[in-house]
Every structure is written in structure tokens, then in C-alpha cells.
Amino acid sequence: MKTENIEGLTLFEINLLIQQGGRFVMFPNLMTKLKSSTIYFVRPEEKIIKYALRHFLRIS
């Protein structure tokens, strides 16, 4: 599985962002169960819909 949106962040910075409300989100792959899903790191100030739209528009 690939994790998006953590480029350039250290483990300490990720932990800090999680304490501030950040989270990891995985959207289901509706096309096939064999293809692995991508995990997105959503920062505290971002909306999940941004990644949901990008994910579902990319696989359709």
C-alpha cells in the first residue's frame, strides 16, 4: 500500500499532526479487490473530500 501526503515529514512531525487532529484515511477501491488501496494522510486543516474526490475520479 502507498501512503500519500507524507512526503518530507518526519515521524515526529506526523505524530504532532495526529495529536492536532490529522488522520490516515483509506478509501475502498470499487473497481477491483485485487488492487491495493492508497492511504492518505489528511492534515488537521484539510478536508477529507479533497482526497475522496481525487481518489474516486482517478479510478473511474
C-alpha atoms as a PDB file:
ATOM      1  CA  MET A   1       0.000   0.000   0.000  1.00  0.00           C
ATOM      2  CA  LYS A   2       1.138   3.504  -0.780  1.00  0.00           C
ATOM      3  CA  THR A   3       0.761   6.450   1.595  1.00  0.00           C
ATOM      4  CA  GLU A   4       0.111   9.854   0.061  1.00  0.00           C
ATOM      5  CA  ASN A   5       0.711  13.315   1.537  1.00  0.00           C
ATOM      6  CA  ILE A   6       3.536  12.472   3.970  1.00  0.00           C
ATOM      7  CA  GLU A   7       6.415  13.466   1.705  1.00  0.00           C
ATOM      8  CA  GLY A   8       9.080  15.380   3.596  1.00  0.00           C
ATOM      9  CA  LEU A   9       7.565  14.779   7.045  1.00  0.00           C
ATOM     10  CA  THR A  10       9.486  13.135   9.849  1.00  0.00           C
ATOM     11  CA  LEU A  11       7.874  10.641  12.213  1.00  0.00           C
ATOM     12  CA  PHE A  12       7.906  13.315  14.914  1.00  0.00           C
ATOM     13  CA  GLU A  13       6.037  15.762  12.656  1.00  0.00           C
ATOM     14  CA  ILE A  14       3.458  13.110  11.727  1.00  0.00           C
ATOM     15  CA  ASN A  15       2.852  12.329  15.402  1.00  0.00           C
ATOM     16  CA  LEU A  16       2.473  16.041  16.137  1.00  0.00           C
ATOM     17  CA  LEU A  17      -0.044  16.477  13.300  1.00  0.00           C
ATOM     18  CA  ILE A  18      -2.024  13.447  14.535  1.00  0.00           C
ATOM     19  CA  GLN A  19      -2.219  14.992  18.017  1.00  0.00           C
ATOM     20  CA  GLN A  20      -3.592  18.151  16.361  1.00  0.00           C
ATOM     21  CA  GLY A  21      -6.320  16.213  14.527  1.00  0.00           C
ATOM     22  CA  GLY A  22      -4.606  14.718  11.484  1.00  0.00           C
ATOM     23  CA  ARG A  23      -5.551  11.194  10.435  1.00  0.00           C
ATOM     24  CA  PHE A  24      -4.874   8.419   7.983  1.00  0.00           C
ATOM     25  CA  VAL A  25      -7.758   7.546   5.657  1.00  0.00           C
ATOM     26  CA  MET A  26      -8.122   4.670   3.208  1.00  0.00           C
ATOM     27  CA  PHE A  27     -10.833   4.735   0.554  1.00  0.00           C
ATOM     28  CA  PRO A  28     -12.164   1.460  -0.870  1.00  0.00           C
ATOM     29  CA  ASN A  29     -11.231   0.501  -4.390  1.00  0.00           C
ATOM     30  CA  LEU A  30     -14.574  -0.106  -6.085  1.00  0.00           C
ATOM     31  CA  MET A  31     -13.197  -1.391  -9.389  1.00  0.00           C
ATOM     32  CA  THR A  32     -11.333  -4.465  -8.193  1.00  0.00           C
ATOM     33  CA  LYS A  33     -10.498  -6.070  -4.895  1.00  0.00           C
ATOM     34  CA  LEU A  34      -7.082  -7.176  -6.119  1.00  0.00           C
ATOM     35  CA  LYS A  35      -5.618  -3.706  -6.498  1.00  0.00           C
ATOM     36  CA  SER A  36      -4.277  -2.278  -3.267  1.00  0.00           C
ATOM     37  CA  SER A  37      -5.824   0.913  -1.951  1.00  0.00           C
ATOM     38  CA  THR A  38      -3.930   4.104  -1.282  1.00  0.00           C
ATOM     39  CA  ILE A  39      -3.722   5.505   2.232  1.00  0.00           C
ATOM     40  CA  TYR A  40      -3.991   9.277   2.513  1.00  0.00           C
ATOM     41  CA  PHE A  41      -2.717  11.385   5.388  1.00  0.00           C
ATOM     42  CA  VAL A  42      -5.205  14.195   5.992  1.00  0.00           C
ATOM     43  CA  ARG A  43      -3.710  17.119   7.868  1.00  0.00           C
ATOM     44  CA  PRO A  44      -5.762  18.830  10.604  1.00  0.00           C
ATOM     45  CA  GLU A  45      -6.637  21.863   8.442  1.00  0.00           C
ATOM     46  CA  GLU A  46      -7.638  19.825   5.362  1.00  0.00           C
ATOM     47  CA  LYS A  47     -10.990  18.332   4.362  1.00  0.00           C
ATOM     48  CA  ILE A  48     -11.312  14.626   3.542  1.00  0.00           C
ATOM     49  CA  ILE A  49     -13.471  15.386   0.496  1.00  0.00           C
ATOM     50  CA  LYS A  50     -10.368  16.731  -1.272  1.00  0.00           C
ATOM     51  CA  TYR A  51      -8.797  13.268  -1.228  1.00  0.00           C
ATOM     52  CA  ALA A  52     -12.056  11.381  -1.730  1.00  0.00           C
ATOM     53  CA  LEU A  53     -12.820  13.211  -4.976  1.00  0.00           C
ATOM     54  CA  ARG A  54      -9.264  12.755  -6.236  1.00  0.00           C
ATOM     55  CA  HIS A  55      -9.368   9.033  -5.410  1.00  0.00           C
ATOM     56  CA  PHE A  56     -12.738   8.258  -6.953  1.00  0.00           C
ATOM     57  CA  LEU A  57     -12.165  10.357 -10.073  1.00  0.00           C
ATOM     58  CA  ARG A  58      -8.785   8.703 -10.663  1.00  0.00           C
ATOM     59  CA  ILE A  59     -10.097   5.115 -10.606  1.00  0.00           C
ATOM     60  CA  SER A  60     -13.199   5.707 -12.717  1.00  0.00           C
END
